[in-house]
């Protein structure tokens, strides 16, 4: 007979490795190339010492003249807290009992729950890579009181089933906390929530949708480098260090050419001793690039990447379209400058008896929770370029 102990063993011995591999290498091509390490973890923080200026004590002179003048290297400590990343499944007691005498049904039950966890985890991990750590998903453009359907400015960060919070002018609307997205219209950019909009919408106020209970708690993504409203990065004030300021390159569509992109690649090599190995772009930017190739009668080169990914190639650098890159945007990056610094790999939370599946207090439901403590750190933000185009 299948029991909770059997389920615990399956989660630990059969599924943990699969889920960890999916989250570590199959989220997106960028994270698949970023190295993972625990060496920079100090207590609950990540601390990275980087060199931002060299001694300069190399030079030439006369046989009996003065030696080159030198000084110590200049260093900067990058600090960030370990972010708490969770993944949770729920299985009703009824479902477990119904499959207790049928091994195949039990396996199907677990596989269905784990696949849902994997799909949601990969979605959110990939979304965090391009965010700023705030867990902001979108801004509400219009809404009507007592109506559950609202219009948003960007639907790419959302998915049906996601649990969200809504803030007005920086304060959470408590009546809508934990609302789930139950439907959407991707063309109209509308979503339908499980809770009706509880306020009278005002165009003079700011309504922002965040991932539930995650505001300002997510990974430090790429946008944290470029978002002008974020004044501190890795524990340092951005304006105090050019080293912490990525390049923002703005172009019109007519200026968007392969030569311009190559000049941006060359700029990183010339001034920052960095060789870009990946271009992360929105789908509309990839379409513009392919149209550019068609207009100039140049063939599109395709590359095979680690993890089974495919990408078009520009000057030997893979160009990867991702739904989470903002429209009209691309990031030119060197993945070797990034690291996932973690306290541990993905693990199941257990109680004092070592149990993974536990009853949710007061409910006939058993839950299991995956956890990882980590953050994404860029060792040289100045060597990262964000290109934005406009018509």
Protein backbone atom coordinates (compact mmCIF):
# COMPACT_ATOMS: atom_id res chain seq x y z
CA UNK A 1 0.00 0.00 0.00
CA UNK A 2 1.19 3.51 -0.87
CA UNK A 3 1.75 5.70 2.21
CA UNK A 4 3.08 9.16 3.06
CA UNK A 5 6.45 7.52 3.73
CA UNK A 6 6.43 6.15 0.19
CA UNK A 7 5.62 9.60 -1.13
CA UNK A 8 8.42 11.15 0.94
CA UNK A 9 10.93 8.65 -0.45
CA UNK A 10 9.79 9.33 -4.00
CA UNK A 11 10.09 13.10 -3.57
CA UNK A 12 13.56 12.77 -2.06
CA UNK A 13 15.09 10.02 -4.18
CA UNK A 14 13.27 10.27 -7.51
CA UNK A 15 12.19 13.85 -8.00
CA UNK A 16 14.64 16.10 -6.15
CA UNK A 17 17.49 15.56 -8.61
CA UNK A 18 15.18 16.04 -11.59
CA UNK A 19 13.71 19.26 -10.23
CA UNK A 20 17.15 20.66 -9.27
CA UNK A 21 18.49 19.94 -12.75
CA UNK A 22 15.49 21.59 -14.37
CA UNK A 23 15.82 24.73 -12.26
CA UNK A 24 19.60 24.95 -12.60
CA UNK A 25 20.14 24.19 -16.28
CA UNK A 26 16.81 24.25 -18.13
CA UNK A 27 15.29 27.55 -17.07
CA UNK A 28 16.83 29.50 -19.96
CA UNK A 29 20.13 29.53 -21.91
CA UNK A 30 21.51 32.40 -19.81
CA UNK A 31 21.18 30.65 -16.45
CA UNK A 32 22.40 27.41 -18.03
CA UNK A 33 25.78 29.12 -18.63
CA UNK A 34 26.04 31.02 -15.36
CA UNK A 35 28.26 29.24 -12.82
CA UNK A 36 26.95 28.30 -9.38
CA UNK A 37 29.13 28.66 -6.30
CA UNK A 38 28.96 28.74 -2.50
CA UNK A 39 32.43 30.25 -1.90
CA UNK A 40 31.21 33.87 -1.57
CA UNK A 41 28.46 33.11 0.92
CA UNK A 42 29.18 34.62 4.35
CA UNK A 43 26.43 33.87 6.86
CA UNK A 44 23.20 35.15 5.32
CA UNK A 45 25.01 37.37 2.83
CA UNK A 46 26.98 37.14 -0.38
CA UNK A 47 30.23 39.13 -0.39
CA UNK A 48 32.36 39.56 -3.52
CA UNK A 49 35.63 41.52 -3.57
CA UNK A 50 36.25 42.88 -7.08
CA UNK A 51 39.12 44.94 -8.48
CA UNK A 52 37.94 48.24 -9.95
CA UNK A 53 41.36 49.87 -10.48
CA UNK A 54 44.83 48.37 -10.92
CA UNK A 55 48.15 49.43 -9.37
CA UNK A 56 49.70 50.81 -12.55
CA UNK A 57 53.19 49.84 -11.37
CA UNK A 58 54.29 48.63 -14.80
CA UNK A 59 56.36 50.92 -17.00
CA UNK A 60 59.69 51.62 -18.64
CA UNK A 61 62.63 53.81 -17.61
CA UNK A 62 66.33 54.36 -17.76
CA UNK A 63 68.95 51.97 -16.44
CA UNK A 64 69.70 54.14 -13.39
CA UNK A 65 66.45 56.10 -13.21
CA UNK A 66 63.47 55.92 -10.92
CA UNK A 67 61.30 52.83 -10.88
CA UNK A 68 57.67 53.09 -12.01
CA UNK A 69 55.36 54.57 -9.39
CA UNK A 70 52.81 52.13 -8.10
CA UNK A 71 49.91 52.04 -5.70
CA UNK A 72 47.72 49.31 -4.39
CA UNK A 73 44.83 47.97 -6.42
CA UNK A 74 41.48 49.57 -5.69
CA UNK A 75 38.80 47.15 -4.57
CA UNK A 76 35.05 47.24 -4.10
CA UNK A 77 33.02 44.82 -2.01
CA UNK A 78 29.75 43.71 -3.56
CA UNK A 79 27.22 42.64 -0.94
CA UNK A 80 23.73 41.26 -1.26
CA UNK A 81 21.49 39.16 0.92
CA UNK A 82 20.66 35.58 0.08
CA UNK A 83 17.19 35.52 -1.44
CA UNK A 84 14.75 32.88 -0.17
CA UNK A 85 13.42 30.91 -3.14
CA UNK A 86 10.56 28.48 -2.56
CA UNK A 87 8.55 25.98 -4.54
CA UNK A 88 5.48 24.35 -3.02
CA UNK A 89 3.15 21.51 -3.93
CA UNK A 90 -0.14 20.52 -2.32
CA UNK A 91 -1.81 17.10 -2.46
CA UNK A 92 -5.17 16.47 -0.84
CA UNK A 93 -5.51 13.62 1.62
CA UNK A 94 -8.38 12.32 -0.51
CA UNK A 95 -6.17 12.08 -3.60
CA UNK A 96 -3.47 10.19 -1.69
CA UNK A 97 -5.97 7.72 -0.23
CA UNK A 98 -7.68 7.23 -3.59
CA UNK A 99 -4.39 6.16 -5.18
CA UNK A 100 -3.00 4.24 -2.19
CA UNK A 101 -3.79 0.84 -3.74
CA UNK A 102 -2.80 1.78 -7.29
CA UNK A 103 0.90 2.37 -7.85
CA UNK A 104 0.36 3.74 -11.33
CA UNK A 105 -2.25 6.23 -10.19
CA UNK A 106 0.02 7.35 -7.36
CA UNK A 107 2.95 7.90 -9.71
CA UNK A 108 0.73 9.87 -12.06
CA UNK A 109 -0.45 11.99 -9.13
CA UNK A 110 3.09 12.83 -8.04
CA UNK A 111 4.32 13.41 -11.58
CA UNK A 112 1.46 15.79 -12.29
CA UNK A 113 2.20 17.81 -9.15
CA UNK A 114 5.95 17.87 -9.81
CA UNK A 115 5.51 18.88 -13.44
CA UNK A 116 3.33 21.78 -12.33
CA UNK A 117 6.02 22.79 -9.84
CA UNK A 118 8.74 22.57 -12.51
CA UNK A 119 6.76 24.61 -15.05
CA UNK A 120 5.93 27.34 -12.54
CA UNK A 121 9.47 27.35 -11.15
CA UNK A 122 11.12 27.68 -14.55
CA UNK A 123 8.71 30.47 -15.49
CA UNK A 124 9.41 32.49 -12.35
CA UNK A 125 13.18 31.89 -12.28
CA UNK A 126 13.46 33.09 -15.87
CA UNK A 127 11.26 36.09 -15.11
CA UNK A 128 13.45 37.06 -12.14
CA UNK A 129 16.59 37.11 -14.31
CA UNK A 130 15.30 40.17 -16.17
CA UNK A 131 13.68 41.88 -13.20
CA UNK A 132 15.09 44.27 -10.63
CA UNK A 133 14.40 42.21 -7.52
CA UNK A 134 11.16 44.03 -6.71
CA UNK A 135 8.84 41.24 -7.99
CA UNK A 136 6.96 43.80 -10.08
CA UNK A 137 4.95 42.07 -12.79
CA UNK A 138 3.10 44.90 -14.51
CA UNK A 139 1.18 48.16 -14.06
CA UNK A 140 -2.60 48.36 -14.15
CA UNK A 141 -3.79 50.64 -16.95
CA UNK A 142 -7.49 50.56 -16.12
CA UNK A 143 -9.91 48.80 -13.79
CA UNK A 144 -13.48 49.08 -12.56
CA UNK A 145 -14.59 48.64 -8.97
CA UNK A 146 -16.30 45.28 -8.31
CA UNK A 147 -15.11 43.96 -11.70
CA UNK A 148 -12.50 41.18 -11.66
CA UNK A 149 -11.14 41.93 -15.16
CA UNK A 150 -8.39 44.56 -15.34
CA UNK A 151 -6.18 45.93 -18.13
CA UNK A 152 -2.39 45.90 -17.71
CA UNK A 153 0.54 47.41 -19.61
CA UNK A 154 2.50 44.16 -19.98
CA UNK A 155 1.16 40.62 -19.90
CA UNK A 156 4.45 38.78 -20.57
CA UNK A 157 5.32 38.41 -16.88
CA UNK A 158 1.97 36.81 -16.06
CA UNK A 159 0.52 33.32 -16.35
CA UNK A 160 -2.84 31.78 -15.55
CA UNK A 161 -2.81 30.40 -12.02
CA UNK A 162 -0.27 32.92 -10.69
CA UNK A 163 -0.99 34.42 -7.28
CA UNK A 164 -0.48 38.18 -7.07
CA UNK A 165 -0.74 41.25 -4.85
CA UNK A 166 -1.89 44.68 -5.97
CA UNK A 167 -0.35 47.86 -4.57
CA UNK A 168 -1.71 51.38 -4.88
CA UNK A 169 0.85 54.17 -4.44
CA UNK A 170 3.17 51.74 -2.65
CA UNK A 171 0.62 50.24 -0.25
CA UNK A 172 -0.87 46.79 -0.69
CA UNK A 173 -4.63 46.53 -1.18
CA UNK A 174 -5.30 44.01 1.60
CA UNK A 175 -8.66 42.92 0.17
CA UNK A 176 -6.91 41.73 -3.01
CA UNK A 177 -3.81 40.17 -1.50
CA UNK A 178 -3.31 36.65 -2.84
CA UNK A 179 -5.66 37.03 -5.80
CA UNK A 180 -5.14 34.40 -8.51
CA UNK A 181 -5.16 34.98 -12.24
CA UNK A 182 -7.93 32.74 -13.56
CA UNK A 183 -8.10 33.95 -17.17
CA UNK A 184 -6.52 36.38 -19.60
CA UNK A 185 -6.78 37.93 -23.04
CA UNK A 186 -3.27 38.35 -24.45
CA UNK A 187 -4.44 40.56 -27.32
CA UNK A 188 -6.39 42.99 -25.15
CA UNK A 189 -3.82 42.71 -22.33
CA UNK A 190 -6.49 41.97 -19.76
CA UNK A 191 -6.46 39.51 -16.88
CA UNK A 192 -9.33 38.18 -14.80
CA UNK A 193 -8.66 37.76 -11.09
CA UNK A 194 -10.27 35.51 -8.52
CA UNK A 195 -11.11 38.65 -6.51
CA UNK A 196 -12.95 41.65 -7.93
CA UNK A 197 -11.12 44.98 -8.00
CA UNK A 198 -12.00 46.52 -4.65
CA UNK A 199 -11.26 50.21 -5.24
CA UNK A 200 -12.44 53.04 -7.44
CA UNK A 201 -9.71 53.32 -10.06
CA UNK A 202 -8.00 56.71 -10.30
CA UNK A 203 -5.69 57.73 -13.14
CA UNK A 204 -3.71 59.88 -10.71
CA UNK A 205 -2.65 56.84 -8.66
CA UNK A 206 -0.14 54.12 -9.40
CA UNK A 207 -1.47 50.54 -9.37
CA UNK A 208 1.21 47.85 -9.61
CA UNK A 209 0.87 44.07 -9.66
CA UNK A 210 3.53 42.13 -7.73
CA UNK A 211 4.15 38.42 -7.23
CA UNK A 212 2.38 37.37 -4.02
CA UNK A 213 4.37 38.04 -0.83
CA UNK A 214 7.53 38.63 -2.91
CA UNK A 215 7.83 42.42 -3.12
CA UNK A 216 11.53 43.39 -2.95
CA UNK A 217 12.53 39.79 -2.18
CA UNK A 218 13.44 38.31 -5.58
CA UNK A 219 16.76 37.69 -7.33
CA UNK A 220 18.79 40.76 -8.29
CA UNK A 221 18.08 40.61 -12.02
CA UNK A 222 19.51 42.51 -14.98
CA UNK A 223 17.13 45.45 -14.66
CA UNK A 224 18.58 46.28 -11.23
CA UNK A 225 21.72 47.42 -13.08
CA UNK A 226 19.84 49.76 -15.41
CA UNK A 227 16.77 50.88 -13.46
CA UNK A 228 17.44 54.53 -12.62
CA UNK A 229 15.04 54.42 -9.66
CA UNK A 230 17.30 51.86 -7.98
CA UNK A 231 20.12 53.94 -6.53
CA UNK A 232 22.02 51.14 -4.77
CA UNK A 233 23.46 47.97 -6.26
CA UNK A 234 25.12 45.21 -4.22
CA UNK A 235 25.34 47.43 -1.16
CA UNK A 236 26.94 50.41 -2.93
CA UNK A 237 25.58 53.67 -4.30
CA UNK A 238 25.58 53.46 -8.10
CA UNK A 239 26.41 57.13 -8.66
CA UNK A 240 29.60 56.76 -6.60
CA UNK A 241 31.10 54.18 -8.95
CA UNK A 242 31.12 54.13 -12.75
CA UNK A 243 32.00 50.47 -12.30
CA UNK A 244 28.43 49.78 -11.17
CA UNK A 245 26.77 51.53 -14.12
CA UNK A 246 25.92 49.48 -17.19
CA UNK A 247 25.79 51.06 -20.62
CA UNK A 248 22.36 52.11 -21.88
CA UNK A 249 22.45 52.47 -25.68
CA UNK A 250 19.39 53.99 -27.32
CA UNK A 251 18.75 53.70 -31.06
CA UNK A 252 15.96 54.29 -33.52
CA UNK A 253 14.81 51.44 -35.72
CA UNK A 254 16.64 52.95 -38.69
CA UNK A 255 19.91 52.93 -36.71
CA UNK A 256 19.47 49.28 -35.75
CA UNK A 257 21.98 47.50 -37.96
CA UNK A 258 24.40 44.61 -37.61
CA UNK A 259 27.30 47.08 -37.73
CA UNK A 260 25.86 48.93 -34.71
CA UNK A 261 25.52 45.70 -32.76
CA UNK A 262 29.08 44.69 -33.59
CA UNK A 263 30.29 48.11 -32.42
CA UNK A 264 28.59 47.45 -29.07
CA UNK A 265 30.34 44.08 -28.81
CA UNK A 266 33.67 45.71 -29.66
CA UNK A 267 33.09 48.44 -27.08
CA UNK A 268 32.95 45.90 -24.27
CA UNK A 269 36.20 44.34 -25.45
CA UNK A 270 37.93 47.70 -25.95
CA UNK A 271 37.11 49.37 -22.66
CA UNK A 272 36.19 46.63 -20.23
CA UNK A 273 38.29 43.62 -21.26
CA UNK A 274 35.11 41.60 -21.67
CA UNK A 275 34.06 39.30 -24.49
CA UNK A 276 30.26 39.13 -24.81
CA UNK A 277 29.01 35.60 -25.36
CA UNK A 278 25.24 36.09 -25.44
CA UNK A 279 22.64 38.59 -26.64
CA UNK A 280 19.30 38.38 -24.83
CA UNK A 281 16.49 40.03 -26.75
CA UNK A 282 12.76 40.52 -26.93
CA UNK A 283 10.83 38.69 -29.64
CA UNK A 284 10.17 41.87 -31.59
CA UNK A 285 13.90 42.62 -31.64
CA UNK A 286 14.65 39.18 -33.03
CA UNK A 287 12.03 39.72 -35.72
CA UNK A 288 13.61 43.07 -36.61
CA UNK A 289 17.04 41.45 -36.84
CA UNK A 290 15.81 38.67 -39.09
CA UNK A 291 14.05 41.24 -41.31
CA UNK A 292 17.34 43.11 -41.47
CA UNK A 293 19.09 39.96 -42.72
CA UNK A 294 16.38 39.32 -45.30
CA UNK A 295 16.63 42.88 -46.60
CA UNK A 296 20.41 42.56 -46.97
CA UNK A 297 20.10 39.02 -48.40
CA UNK A 298 22.22 37.52 -45.63
CA UNK A 299 21.53 33.99 -44.45
CA UNK A 300 20.47 33.41 -40.86
CA UNK A 301 23.03 31.30 -38.98
CA UNK A 302 21.68 28.95 -36.31
CA UNK A 303 23.68 27.73 -33.30
CA UNK A 304 23.10 24.76 -30.99
CA UNK A 305 23.64 25.66 -27.34
CA UNK A 306 24.15 23.60 -24.21
CA UNK A 307 20.89 22.31 -22.78
CA UNK A 308 19.35 21.68 -26.20
CA UNK A 309 18.68 25.34 -26.96
CA UNK A 310 18.92 26.82 -30.45
CA UNK A 311 19.73 30.43 -31.28
CA UNK A 312 20.47 32.59 -34.27
CA UNK A 313 24.05 33.80 -34.48
CA UNK A 314 25.43 37.30 -34.95
CA UNK A 315 29.18 37.41 -35.46
CA UNK A 316 29.43 34.11 -33.59
CA UNK A 317 27.41 35.34 -30.61
CA UNK A 318 24.06 33.60 -29.95
CA UNK A 319 21.00 35.85 -30.03
CA UNK A 320 18.27 34.46 -27.79
CA UNK A 321 14.69 35.71 -27.69
CA UNK A 322 12.98 35.56 -24.30
CA UNK A 323 9.43 36.58 -23.44
CA UNK A 324 10.62 38.35 -20.30
CA UNK A 325 12.92 40.81 -22.09
CA UNK A 326 10.96 44.09 -22.43
CA UNK A 327 9.72 45.05 -25.90
CA UNK A 328 12.33 46.85 -28.00
CA UNK A 329 15.16 45.73 -25.72
CA UNK A 330 18.26 43.55 -25.83
CA UNK A 331 21.01 42.84 -23.33
CA UNK A 332 24.57 42.19 -24.48
CA UNK A 333 26.23 40.13 -21.75
CA UNK A 334 29.28 38.10 -20.86
CA UNK A 335 27.88 35.20 -18.82
CA UNK A 336 31.30 34.67 -17.19
CA UNK A 337 30.77 37.91 -15.28
CA UNK A 338 27.69 36.51 -13.55
CA UNK A 339 27.32 33.96 -10.79
CA UNK A 340 24.53 32.25 -8.88
CA UNK A 341 25.88 32.33 -5.33
CA UNK A 342 24.01 29.88 -3.17
CA UNK A 343 24.01 28.59 0.37
CA UNK A 344 22.79 25.22 -0.88
CA UNK A 345 21.22 23.59 -3.90
CA UNK A 346 17.48 22.96 -4.01
CA UNK A 347 16.39 20.91 -0.99
CA UNK A 348 13.12 19.80 0.56
CA UNK A 349 12.13 21.41 3.84
CA UNK A 350 11.56 18.75 6.51
CA UNK A 351 10.07 18.79 9.99
CA UNK A 352 11.75 17.49 13.14
CA UNK A 353 10.81 13.94 12.11
CA UNK A 354 12.45 14.29 8.72
CA UNK A 355 9.12 14.29 6.87
CA UNK A 356 8.79 16.12 3.56
CA UNK A 357 5.02 15.83 3.07
CA UNK A 358 3.19 17.36 6.03
CA UNK A 359 -0.43 18.07 6.75
CA UNK A 360 -1.43 21.70 6.38
CA UNK A 361 -2.75 22.61 9.79
CA UNK A 362 -6.53 22.71 9.82
CA UNK A 363 -6.90 21.33 6.27
CA UNK A 364 -7.07 17.82 4.75
CA UNK A 365 -4.10 18.72 2.55
CA UNK A 366 -0.46 17.61 2.56
CA UNK A 367 2.22 20.07 1.42
CA UNK A 368 5.89 19.81 0.46
CA UNK A 369 8.23 22.77 0.03
CA UNK A 370 11.44 23.13 -1.95
CA UNK A 371 13.90 25.79 -0.86
CA UNK A 372 17.07 27.44 -2.11
CA UNK A 373 18.96 30.45 -0.68
CA UNK A 374 20.80 32.30 -3.44
CA UNK A 375 21.17 35.47 -5.48
CA UNK A 376 22.41 36.47 -8.92
CA UNK A 377 25.49 38.74 -8.89
CA UNK A 378 27.29 40.49 -11.75
CA UNK A 379 30.98 41.08 -10.95
CA UNK A 380 31.36 43.86 -13.56
CA UNK A 381 28.08 45.71 -14.24
CA UNK A 382 29.88 48.36 -16.37
CA UNK A 383 30.58 45.65 -18.97
CA UNK A 384 26.89 44.91 -19.55
CA UNK A 385 24.99 46.75 -22.30
CA UNK A 386 21.28 47.34 -22.61
CA UNK A 387 20.18 48.38 -26.11
CA UNK A 388 16.77 50.00 -26.51
CA UNK A 389 15.21 50.86 -29.85
CA UNK A 390 12.30 53.08 -30.72
CA UNK A 391 10.52 53.81 -33.97
